Every structure is written in C-alpha cells, then in structure tokens.
Amino acid sequence: MSKWENIVMSAWLERNNPKSPHYHPAKAVRIYKRFASQIDGADRWTTAKHMVEKYKNSDYTAVERANDHAISYLSTSWQYQFWKDVTEIILQIQKEAK
C-alpha cells in the first residue's frame, strides 16, 4: 500500500467513525467519491495482508481462502473481482516475503 493510499484511507475511516473527533459522514462521502480507487486499493491490500497473517500456519492457505470467497459470487459481481484482486495481492506479498 502506498503512503498516499494509507493517508486517504485513514482520513476516510476517521470521518466514518462516530467515536472520532473528526467524524463527519458527509465529508466521508466526498472523500470516497474523489478517492474511491485509492480507498478500494488500500482495502484490498489490508485484507490480503490480514489473510496472509491469519493463514500462515494453516493447511488452508490464504490463496485458497480468497479463491473460495471469489467463487461464492457471480463472476460479474464486484465481490468476485474484489476477492480475485485480493488473491493476486496475497501472491505478491508471499513472493516478496521469500
């Protein structure tokens, strides 16, 4: 995840958190409209990183789990594409770790 994606995602999450002093749902909507691709990219990367950590000592690998998530949706849905993207990021993370 790039530094910029991290900044945008953090700002968006702060505006969506009712417990945050920066809580402002209308600003969160504006942030998302302007930076949707960065926020979505950060979400995919964060999900992939979490899955790599969660399944590192399991016989059921993170890649298998992400693929199982993907095939539970229609191939034309955004959820399917989300999980396919997560699968690719998991493979990238694992390649970089070697």
PDB file of N, CA and C in Angstrom:
ATOM      1  N   MET A   1       0.859  -1.167   0.000  1.00  0.00           N
ATOM      2  CA  MET A   1       0.000   0.000   0.000  1.00  0.00           C
ATOM      3  C   MET A   1       0.906   1.231   0.000  1.00  0.00           C
ATOM      4  N   SER A   2       0.579   2.171  -0.848  1.00  0.00           N
ATOM      5  CA  SER A   2       1.384   3.381  -0.909  1.00  0.00           C
ATOM      6  C   SER A   2       1.078   4.304   0.275  1.00  0.00           C
ATOM      7  N   LYS A   3       1.979   5.233   0.503  1.00  0.00           N
ATOM      8  CA  LYS A   3       1.780   6.195   1.593  1.00  0.00           C
ATOM      9  C   LYS A   3       0.504   7.006   1.357  1.00  0.00           C
ATOM     10  N   TRP A   4       0.273   7.393   0.095  1.00  0.00           N
ATOM     11  CA  TRP A   4      -0.919   8.185  -0.237  1.00  0.00           C
ATOM     12  C   TRP A   4      -2.194   7.389   0.036  1.00  0.00           C
ATOM     13  N   GLU A   5      -2.226   6.109  -0.353  1.00  0.00           N
ATOM     14  CA  GLU A   5      -3.402   5.276  -0.085  1.00  0.00           C
ATOM     15  C   GLU A   5      -3.652   5.177   1.415  1.00  0.00           C
ATOM     16  N   ASN A   6      -2.584   5.065   2.178  1.00  0.00           N
ATOM     17  CA  ASN A   6      -2.712   4.992   3.633  1.00  0.00           C
ATOM     18  C   ASN A   6      -3.308   6.282   4.199  1.00  0.00           C
ATOM     19  N   ILE A   7      -2.857   7.434   3.707  1.00  0.00           N
ATOM     20  CA  ILE A   7      -3.374   8.725   4.175  1.00  0.00           C
ATOM     21  C   ILE A   7      -4.852   8.873   3.841  1.00  0.00           C
ATOM     22  N   VAL A   8      -5.210   8.558   2.608  1.00  0.00           N
ATOM     23  CA  VAL A   8      -6.604   8.697   2.172  1.00  0.00           C
ATOM     24  C   VAL A   8      -7.511   7.750   2.949  1.00  0.00           C
ATOM     25  N   MET A   9      -7.065   6.497   3.096  1.00  0.00           N
ATOM     26  CA  MET A   9      -7.867   5.508   3.831  1.00  0.00           C
ATOM     27  C   MET A   9      -8.053   5.944   5.285  1.00  0.00           C
ATOM     28  N   SER A  10      -6.994   6.435   5.908  1.00  0.00           N
ATOM     29  CA  SER A  10      -7.084   6.888   7.301  1.00  0.00           C
ATOM     30  C   SER A  10      -8.054   8.056   7.450  1.00  0.00           C
ATOM     31  N   ALA A  11      -7.972   9.014   6.537  1.00  0.00           N
ATOM     32  CA  ALA A  11      -8.881  10.168   6.590  1.00  0.00           C
ATOM     33  C   ALA A  11     -10.328   9.718   6.416  1.00  0.00           C
ATOM     34  N   TRP A  12     -10.552   8.823   5.482  1.00  0.00           N
ATOM     35  CA  TRP A  12     -11.910   8.321   5.222  1.00  0.00           C
ATOM     36  C   TRP A  12     -12.448   7.565   6.442  1.00  0.00           C
ATOM     37  N   LEU A  13     -11.608   6.714   7.046  1.00  0.00           N
ATOM     38  CA  LEU A  13     -12.042   5.961   8.224  1.00  0.00           C
ATOM     39  C   LEU A  13     -12.335   6.882   9.401  1.00  0.00           C
ATOM     40  N   GLU A  14     -11.523   7.914   9.575  1.00  0.00           N
ATOM     41  CA  GLU A  14     -11.754   8.879  10.662  1.00  0.00           C
ATOM     42  C   GLU A  14     -13.111   9.573  10.500  1.00  0.00           C
ATOM     43  N   ARG A  15     -13.466   9.919   9.266  1.00  0.00           N
ATOM     44  CA  ARG A  15     -14.738  10.607   9.021  1.00  0.00           C
ATOM     45  C   ARG A  15     -15.936   9.663   9.173  1.00  0.00           C
ATOM     46  N   ASN A  16     -15.694   8.350   9.114  1.00  0.00           N
ATOM     47  CA  ASN A  16     -16.767   7.357   9.249  1.00  0.00           C
ATOM     48  C   ASN A  16     -16.932   6.817  10.667  1.00  0.00           C
ATOM     49  N   ASN A  17     -16.012   7.141  11.559  1.00  0.00           N
ATOM     50  CA  ASN A  17     -16.030   6.599  12.914  1.00  0.00           C
ATOM     51  C   ASN A  17     -16.744   7.559  13.867  1.00  0.00           C
ATOM     52  N   PRO A  18     -17.928   7.180  14.369  1.00  0.00           N
ATOM     53  CA  PRO A  18     -18.672   8.065  15.269  1.00  0.00           C
ATOM     54  C   PRO A  18     -17.909   8.441  16.544  1.00  0.00           C
ATOM     55  N   LYS A  19     -16.919   7.657  16.938  1.00  0.00           N
ATOM     56  CA  LYS A  19     -16.150   7.951  18.145  1.00  0.00           C
ATOM     57  C   LYS A  19     -14.962   8.879  17.875  1.00  0.00           C
ATOM     58  N   SER A  20     -14.723   9.157  16.620  1.00  0.00           N
ATOM     59  CA  SER A  20     -13.593  10.011  16.250  1.00  0.00           C
ATOM     60  C   SER A  20     -13.948  11.490  16.392  1.00  0.00           C
ATOM     61  N   PRO A  21     -12.989  12.320  16.797  1.00  0.00           N
ATOM     62  CA  PRO A  21     -13.256  13.764  16.849  1.00  0.00           C
ATOM     63  C   PRO A  21     -13.420  14.363  15.441  1.00  0.00           C
ATOM     64  N   HIS A  22     -13.024  13.600  14.417  1.00  0.00           N
ATOM     65  CA  HIS A  22     -13.139  14.053  13.025  1.00  0.00           C
ATOM     66  C   HIS A  22     -14.361  13.470  12.314  1.00  0.00           C
ATOM     67  N   TYR A  23     -15.265  12.868  13.074  1.00  0.00           N
ATOM     68  CA  TYR A  23     -16.451  12.222  12.492  1.00  0.00           C
ATOM     69  C   TYR A  23     -17.273  13.229  11.697  1.00  0.00           C
ATOM     70  N   HIS A  24     -17.495  12.902  10.433  1.00  0.00           N
ATOM     71  CA  HIS A  24     -18.283  13.771   9.558  1.00  0.00           C
ATOM     72  C   HIS A  24     -18.705  12.949   8.340  1.00  0.00           C
ATOM     73  N   PRO A  25     -19.872  12.290   8.401  1.00  0.00           N
ATOM     74  CA  PRO A  25     -20.298  11.394   7.327  1.00  0.00           C
ATOM     75  C   PRO A  25     -20.348  12.050   5.945  1.00  0.00           C
ATOM     76  N   ALA A  26     -20.756  13.310   5.886  1.00  0.00           N
ATOM     77  CA  ALA A  26     -20.826  13.979   4.579  1.00  0.00           C
ATOM     78  C   ALA A  26     -19.429  14.134   3.964  1.00  0.00           C
ATOM     79  N   LYS A  27     -18.456  14.457   4.792  1.00  0.00           N
ATOM     80  CA  LYS A  27     -17.081  14.553   4.285  1.00  0.00           C
ATOM     81  C   LYS A  27     -16.562  13.173   3.882  1.00  0.00           C
ATOM     82  N   ALA A  28     -16.959  12.154   4.605  1.00  0.00           N
ATOM     83  CA  ALA A  28     -16.550  10.788   4.255  1.00  0.00           C
ATOM     84  C   ALA A  28     -17.052  10.430   2.860  1.00  0.00           C
ATOM     85  N   VAL A  29     -18.275  10.808   2.568  1.00  0.00           N
ATOM     86  CA  VAL A  29     -18.844  10.543   1.238  1.00  0.00           C
ATOM     87  C   VAL A  29     -18.044  11.281   0.169  1.00  0.00           C
ATOM     88  N   ARG A  30     -17.729  12.542   0.429  1.00  0.00           N
ATOM     89  CA  ARG A  30     -16.954  13.322  -0.547  1.00  0.00           C
ATOM     90  C   ARG A  30     -15.554  12.740  -0.739  1.00  0.00           C
ATOM     91  N   ILE A  31     -14.930  12.325   0.359  1.00  0.00           N
ATOM     92  CA  ILE A  31     -13.605  11.713   0.261  1.00  0.00           C
ATOM     93  C   ILE A  31     -13.691  10.454  -0.582  1.00  0.00           C
ATOM     94  N   TYR A  32     -14.696   9.616  -0.317  1.00  0.00           N
ATOM     95  CA  TYR A  32     -14.811   8.363  -1.062  1.00  0.00           C
ATOM     96  C   TYR A  32     -15.060   8.617  -2.541  1.00  0.00           C
ATOM     97  N   LYS A  33     -15.924   9.573  -2.859  1.00  0.00           N
ATOM     98  CA  LYS A  33     -16.203   9.868  -4.267  1.00  0.00           C
ATOM     99  C   LYS A  33     -14.939  10.281  -5.006  1.00  0.00           C
ATOM    100  N   ARG A  34     -14.103  11.056  -4.343  1.00  0.00           N
ATOM    101  CA  ARG A  34     -12.905  11.571  -5.002  1.00  0.00           C
ATOM    102  C   ARG A  34     -11.765  10.547  -5.048  1.00  0.00           C
ATOM    103  N   PHE A  35     -11.649   9.724  -4.002  1.00  0.00           N
ATOM    104  CA  PHE A  35     -10.513   8.816  -3.878  1.00  0.00           C
ATOM    105  C   PHE A  35     -10.923   7.344  -3.791  1.00  0.00           C
ATOM    106  N   ALA A  36     -12.006   6.976  -4.440  1.00  0.00           N
ATOM    107  CA  ALA A  36     -12.531   5.608  -4.349  1.00  0.00           C
ATOM    108  C   ALA A  36     -11.489   4.564  -4.743  1.00  0.00           C
ATOM    109  N   SER A  37     -10.762   4.800  -5.806  1.00  0.00           N
ATOM    110  CA  SER A  37      -9.807   3.780  -6.258  1.00  0.00           C
ATOM    111  C   SER A  37      -8.688   3.580  -5.234  1.00  0.00           C
ATOM    112  N   GLN A  38      -8.221   4.659  -4.605  1.00  0.00           N
ATOM    113  CA  GLN A  38      -7.181   4.520  -3.586  1.00  0.00           C
ATOM    114  C   GLN A  38      -7.714   3.820  -2.336  1.00  0.00           C
ATOM    115  N   ILE A  39      -8.923   4.169  -1.926  1.00  0.00           N
ATOM    116  CA  ILE A  39      -9.524   3.544  -0.742  1.00  0.00           C
ATOM    117  C   ILE A  39      -9.779   2.063  -1.002  1.00  0.00           C
ATOM    118  N   ASP A  40     -10.317   1.747  -2.170  1.00  0.00           N
ATOM    119  CA  ASP A  40     -10.574   0.347  -2.513  1.00  0.00           C
ATOM    120  C   ASP A  40      -9.273  -0.448  -2.615  1.00  0.00           C
ATOM    121  N   GLY A  41      -8.239   0.171  -3.178  1.00  0.00           N
ATOM    122  CA  GLY A  41      -6.943  -0.494  -3.263  1.00  0.00           C
ATOM    123  C   GLY A  41      -6.357  -0.769  -1.886  1.00  0.00           C
ATOM    124  N   ALA A  42      -6.471   0.197  -1.001  1.00  0.00           N
ATOM    125  CA  ALA A  42      -5.976   0.022   0.368  1.00  0.00           C
ATOM    126  C   ALA A  42      -6.770  -1.064   1.094  1.00  0.00           C
ATOM    127  N   ASP A  43      -8.066  -1.123   0.842  1.00  0.00           N
ATOM    128  CA  ASP A  43      -8.911  -2.150   1.454  1.00  0.00           C
ATOM    129  C   ASP A  43      -8.491  -3.541   0.986  1.00  0.00           C
ATOM    130  N   ARG A  44      -8.239  -3.685  -0.302  1.00  0.00           N
ATOM    131  CA  ARG A  44      -7.798  -4.977  -0.835  1.00  0.00           C
ATOM    132  C   ARG A  44      -6.444  -5.374  -0.240  1.00  0.00           C
ATOM    133  N   TRP A  45      -5.524  -4.432  -0.177  1.00  0.00           N
ATOM    134  CA  TRP A  45      -4.192  -4.713   0.340  1.00  0.00           C
ATOM    135  C   TRP A  45      -4.264  -5.091   1.813  1.00  0.00           C
ATOM    136  N   THR A  46      -5.041  -4.359   2.596  1.00  0.00           N
ATOM    137  CA  THR A  46      -5.184  -4.639   4.026  1.00  0.00           C
ATOM    138  C   THR A  46      -5.805  -6.019   4.246  1.00  0.00           C
ATOM    139  N   THR A  47      -6.819  -6.353   3.450  1.00  0.00           N
ATOM    140  CA  THR A  47      -7.463  -7.663   3.544  1.00  0.00           C
ATOM    141  C   THR A  47      -6.465  -8.770   3.223  1.00  0.00           C
ATOM    142  N   ALA A  48      -5.694  -8.583   2.157  1.00  0.00           N
ATOM    143  CA  ALA A  48      -4.711  -9.589   1.762  1.00  0.00           C
ATOM    144  C   ALA A  48      -3.657  -9.780   2.845  1.00  0.00           C
ATOM    145  N   LYS A  49      -3.156  -8.697   3.380  1.00  0.00           N
ATOM    146  CA  LYS A  49      -2.120  -8.777   4.421  1.00  0.00           C
ATOM    147  C   LYS A  49      -2.659  -9.501   5.656  1.00  0.00           C
ATOM    148  N   HIS A  50      -3.896  -9.191   6.028  1.00  0.00           N
ATOM    149  CA  HIS A  50      -4.527  -9.853   7.172  1.00  0.00           C
ATOM    150  C   HIS A  50      -4.668 -11.359   6.919  1.00  0.00           C
ATOM    151  N   MET A  51      -5.076 -11.725   5.712  1.00  0.00           N
ATOM    152  CA  MET A  51      -5.269 -13.141   5.391  1.00  0.00           C
ATOM    153  C   MET A  51      -3.939 -13.898   5.383  1.00  0.00           C
ATOM    154  N   VAL A  52      -2.887 -13.279   4.878  1.00  0.00           N
ATOM    155  CA  VAL A  52      -1.567 -13.921   4.892  1.00  0.00           C
ATOM    156  C   VAL A  52      -1.171 -14.226   6.325  1.00  0.00           C
ATOM    157  N   GLU A  53      -1.373 -13.266   7.200  1.00  0.00           N
ATOM    158  CA  GLU A  53      -1.024 -13.456   8.613  1.00  0.00           C
ATOM    159  C   GLU A  53      -1.916 -14.518   9.271  1.00  0.00           C
ATOM    160  N   LYS A  54      -3.203 -14.467   8.988  1.00  0.00           N
ATOM    161  CA  LYS A  54      -4.153 -15.373   9.621  1.00  0.00           C
ATOM    162  C   LYS A  54      -3.926 -16.835   9.226  1.00  0.00           C
ATOM    163  N   TYR A  55      -3.589 -17.068   7.961  1.00  0.00           N
ATOM    164  CA  TYR A  55      -3.463 -18.437   7.459  1.00  0.00           C
ATOM    165  C   TYR A  55      -2.016 -18.897   7.296  1.00  0.00           C
ATOM    166  N   LYS A  56      -1.062 -18.211   7.915  1.00  0.00           N
ATOM    167  CA  LYS A  56       0.343 -18.569   7.714  1.00  0.00           C
ATOM    168  C   LYS A  56       0.700 -19.939   8.279  1.00  0.00           C
ATOM    169  N   ASN A  57       0.033 -20.396   9.310  1.00  0.00           N
ATOM    170  CA  ASN A  57       0.327 -21.705   9.910  1.00  0.00           C
ATOM    171  C   ASN A  57      -0.781 -22.716   9.669  1.00  0.00           C
ATOM    172  N   SER A  58      -1.554 -22.508   8.641  1.00  0.00           N
ATOM    173  CA  SER A  58      -2.708 -23.359   8.362  1.00  0.00           C
ATOM    174  C   SER A  58      -2.486 -24.182   7.093  1.00  0.00           C
ATOM    175  N   ASP A  59      -3.111 -25.355   7.056  1.00  0.00           N
ATOM    176  CA  ASP A  59      -3.078 -26.151   5.829  1.00  0.00           C
ATOM    177  C   ASP A  59      -3.947 -25.505   4.750  1.00  0.00           C
ATOM    178  N   TYR A  60      -4.906 -24.727   5.173  1.00  0.00           N
ATOM    179  CA  TYR A  60      -5.800 -23.998   4.270  1.00  0.00           C
ATOM    180  C   TYR A  60      -5.160 -22.643   4.022  1.00  0.00           C
ATOM    181  N   THR A  61      -4.612 -22.447   2.841  1.00  0.00           N
ATOM    182  CA  THR A  61      -3.813 -21.253   2.585  1.00  0.00           C
ATOM    183  C   THR A  61      -4.683 -20.015   2.350  1.00  0.00           C
ATOM    184  N   ALA A  62      -4.051 -18.872   2.468  1.00  0.00           N
ATOM    185  CA  ALA A  62      -4.742 -17.603   2.227  1.00  0.00           C
ATOM    186  C   ALA A  62      -5.239 -17.519   0.787  1.00  0.00           C
ATOM    187  N   VAL A  63      -4.443 -18.027  -0.143  1.00  0.00           N
ATOM    188  CA  VAL A  63      -4.843 -18.016  -1.562  1.00  0.00           C
ATOM    189  C   VAL A  63      -6.070 -18.882  -1.769  1.00  0.00           C
ATOM    190  N   GLU A  64      -6.083 -20.063  -1.180  1.00  0.00           N
ATOM    191  CA  GLU A  64      -7.250 -20.944  -1.296  1.00  0.00           C
ATOM    192  C   GLU A  64      -8.494 -20.277  -0.714  1.00  0.00           C
ATOM    193  N   ARG A  65      -8.337 -19.651   0.442  1.00  0.00           N
ATOM    194  CA  ARG A  65      -9.471 -18.993   1.092  1.00  0.00           C
ATOM    195  C   ARG A  65     -10.000 -17.848   0.243  1.00  0.00           C
ATOM    196  N   ALA A  66      -9.122 -17.023  -0.284  1.00  0.00           N
ATOM    197  CA  ALA A  66      -9.549 -15.900  -1.126  1.00  0.00           C
ATOM    198  C   ALA A  66     -10.243 -16.410  -2.385  1.00  0.00           C
ATOM    199  N   ASN A  67      -9.712 -17.470  -2.983  1.00  0.00           N
ATOM    200  CA  ASN A  67     -10.361 -18.044  -4.168  1.00  0.00           C
ATOM    201  C   ASN A  67     -11.729 -18.623  -3.821  1.00  0.00           C
ATOM    202  N   ASP A  68     -11.846 -19.264  -2.668  1.00  0.00           N
ATOM    203  CA  ASP A  68     -13.148 -19.783  -2.238  1.00  0.00           C
ATOM    204  C   ASP A  68     -14.155 -18.648  -2.035  1.00  0.00           C
ATOM    205  N   HIS A  69     -13.680 -17.541  -1.487  1.00  0.00           N
ATOM    206  CA  HIS A  69     -14.556 -16.374  -1.359  1.00  0.00           C
ATOM    207  C   HIS A  69     -15.009 -15.917  -2.746  1.00  0.00           C
ATOM    208  N   ALA A  70     -14.081 -15.818  -3.670  1.00  0.00           N
ATOM    209  CA  ALA A  70     -14.390 -15.315  -5.012  1.00  0.00           C
ATOM    210  C   ALA A  70     -15.434 -16.174  -5.710  1.00  0.00           C
ATOM    211  N   ILE A  71     -15.257 -17.483  -5.662  1.00  0.00           N
ATOM    212  CA  ILE A  71     -16.183 -18.342  -6.409  1.00  0.00           C
ATOM    213  C   ILE A  71     -17.562 -18.434  -5.767  1.00  0.00           C
ATOM    214  N   SER A  72     -17.715 -17.872  -4.589  1.00  0.00           N
ATOM    215  CA  SER A  72     -19.040 -17.857  -3.976  1.00  0.00           C
ATOM    216  C   SER A  72     -19.915 -16.729  -4.537  1.00  0.00           C
ATOM    217  N   TYR A  73     -19.346 -15.920  -5.430  1.00  0.00           N
ATOM    218  CA  TYR A  73     -20.077 -14.822  -6.064  1.00  0.00           C
ATOM    219  C   TYR A  73     -20.130 -15.030  -7.564  1.00  0.00           C
ATOM    220  N   LEU A  74     -21.070 -14.368  -8.204  1.00  0.00           N
ATOM    221  CA  LEU A  74     -21.125 -14.384  -9.664  1.00  0.00           C
ATOM    222  C   LEU A  74     -19.869 -13.726 -10.221  1.00  0.00           C
ATOM    223  N   SER A  75     -19.384 -14.235 -11.329  1.00  0.00           N
ATOM    224  CA  SER A  75     -18.137 -13.707 -11.893  1.00  0.00           C
ATOM    225  C   SER A  75     -18.284 -12.282 -12.424  1.00  0.00           C
ATOM    226  N   THR A  76     -19.493 -11.786 -12.480  1.00  0.00           N
ATOM    227  CA  THR A  76     -19.724 -10.410 -12.942  1.00  0.00           C
ATOM    228  C   THR A  76     -19.889  -9.424 -11.789  1.00  0.00           C
ATOM    229  N   SER A  77     -19.823  -9.910 -10.560  1.00  0.00           N
ATOM    230  CA  SER A  77     -20.065  -9.039  -9.401  1.00  0.00           C
ATOM    231  C   SER A  77     -18.787  -8.348  -8.939  1.00  0.00           C
ATOM    232  N   TRP A  78     -18.960  -7.256  -8.222  1.00  0.00           N
ATOM    233  CA  TRP A  78     -17.803  -6.546  -7.692  1.00  0.00           C
ATOM    234  C   TRP A  78     -17.125  -7.357  -6.604  1.00  0.00           C
ATOM    235  N   GLN A  79     -17.888  -8.193  -5.880  1.00  0.00           N
ATOM    236  CA  GLN A  79     -17.312  -9.014  -4.819  1.00  0.00           C
ATOM    237  C   GLN A  79     -16.335 -10.048  -5.391  1.00  0.00           C
ATOM    238  N   TYR A  80     -16.714 -10.636  -6.521  1.00  0.00           N
ATOM    239  CA  TYR A  80     -15.839 -11.598  -7.191  1.00  0.00           C
ATOM    240  C   TYR A  80     -14.520 -10.926  -7.560  1.00  0.00           C
ATOM    241  N   GLN A  81     -14.600  -9.749  -8.162  1.00  0.00           N
ATOM    242  CA  GLN A  81     -13.392  -9.034  -8.562  1.00  0.00           C
ATOM    243  C   GLN A  81     -12.562  -8.633  -7.347  1.00  0.00           C
ATOM    244  N   PHE A  82     -13.229  -8.232  -6.266  1.00  0.00           N
ATOM    245  CA  PHE A  82     -12.528  -7.889  -5.033  1.00  0.00           C
ATOM    246  C   PHE A  82     -11.666  -9.059  -4.575  1.00  0.00           C
ATOM    247  N   TRP A  83     -12.255 -10.244  -4.483  1.00  0.00           N
ATOM    248  CA  TRP A  83     -11.523 -11.399  -3.977  1.00  0.00           C
ATOM    249  C   TRP A  83     -10.467 -11.887  -4.946  1.00  0.00           C
ATOM    250  N   LYS A  84     -10.680 -11.743  -6.232  1.00  0.00           N
ATOM    251  CA  LYS A  84      -9.632 -12.082  -7.208  1.00  0.00           C
ATOM    252  C   LYS A  84      -8.451 -11.129  -7.068  1.00  0.00           C
ATOM    253  N   ASP A  85      -8.737  -9.852  -6.847  1.00  0.00           N
ATOM    254  CA  ASP A  85      -7.669  -8.874  -6.620  1.00  0.00           C
ATOM    255  C   ASP A  85      -6.909  -9.194  -5.334  1.00  0.00           C
ATOM    256  N   VAL A  86      -7.635  -9.566  -4.286  1.00  0.00           N
ATOM    257  CA  VAL A  86      -7.011  -9.937  -3.021  1.00  0.00           C
ATOM    258  C   VAL A  86      -6.098 -11.150  -3.226  1.00  0.00           C
ATOM    259  N   THR A  87      -6.541 -12.111  -4.013  1.00  0.00           N
ATOM    260  CA  THR A  87      -5.723 -13.286  -4.306  1.00  0.00           C
ATOM    261  C   THR A  87      -4.403 -12.889  -4.948  1.00  0.00           C
ATOM    262  N   GLU A  88      -4.458 -11.999  -5.923  1.00  0.00           N
ATOM    263  CA  GLU A  88      -3.234 -11.537  -6.595  1.00  0.00           C
ATOM    264  C   GLU A  88      -2.306 -10.807  -5.622  1.00  0.00           C
ATOM    265  N   ILE A  89      -2.869 -10.012  -4.749  1.00  0.00           N
ATOM    266  CA  ILE A  89      -2.055  -9.282  -3.770  1.00  0.00           C
ATOM    267  C   ILE A  89      -1.424 -10.251  -2.777  1.00  0.00           C
ATOM    268  N   ILE A  90      -2.159 -11.281  -2.368  1.00  0.00           N
ATOM    269  CA  ILE A  90      -1.610 -12.298  -1.470  1.00  0.00           C
ATOM    270  C   ILE A  90      -0.402 -12.960  -2.121  1.00  0.00           C
ATOM    271  N   LEU A  91      -0.532 -13.317  -3.386  1.00  0.00           N
ATOM    272  CA  LEU A  91       0.586 -13.934  -4.095  1.00  0.00           C
ATOM    273  C   LEU A  91       1.788 -12.991  -4.161  1.00  0.00           C
ATOM    274  N   GLN A  92       1.518 -11.725  -4.377  1.00  0.00           N
ATOM    275  CA  GLN A  92       2.592 -10.713  -4.422  1.00  0.00           C
ATOM    276  C   GLN A  92       3.277 -10.595  -3.057  1.00  0.00           C
ATOM    277  N   ILE A  93       2.491 -10.540  -1.993  1.00  0.00           N
ATOM    278  CA  ILE A  93       3.037 -10.431  -0.631  1.00  0.00           C
ATOM    279  C   ILE A  93       3.908 -11.664  -0.317  1.00  0.00           C
ATOM    280  N   GLN A  94       3.408 -12.836  -0.678  1.00  0.00           N
ATOM    281  CA  GLN A  94       4.155 -14.056  -0.413  1.00  0.00           C
ATOM    282  C   GLN A  94       5.444 -14.114  -1.232  1.00  0.00           C
ATOM    283  N   LYS A  95       5.396 -13.644  -2.456  1.00  0.00           N
ATOM    284  CA  LYS A  95       6.591 -13.608  -3.312  1.00  0.00           C
ATOM    285  C   LYS A  95       7.644 -12.666  -2.734  1.00  0.00           C
ATOM    286  N   GLU A  96       7.205 -11.499  -2.255  1.00  0.00           N
ATOM    287  CA  GLU A  96       8.133 -10.527  -1.681  1.00  0.00           C
ATOM    288  C   GLU A  96       8.729 -11.012  -0.367  1.00  0.00           C
ATOM    289  N   ALA A  97       7.997 -11.865   0.349  1.00  0.00           N
ATOM    290  CA  ALA A  97       8.479 -12.365   1.643  1.00  0.00           C
ATOM    291  C   ALA A  97       9.583 -13.414   1.488  1.00  0.00           C
ATOM    292  N   LYS A  98       9.676 -14.016   0.319  1.00  0.00           N
ATOM    293  CA  LYS A  98      10.688 -15.090   0.102  1.00  0.00           C
ATOM    294  C   LYS A  98      12.041 -14.541  -0.173  1.00  0.00           C
TER     295      LYS A  98
END
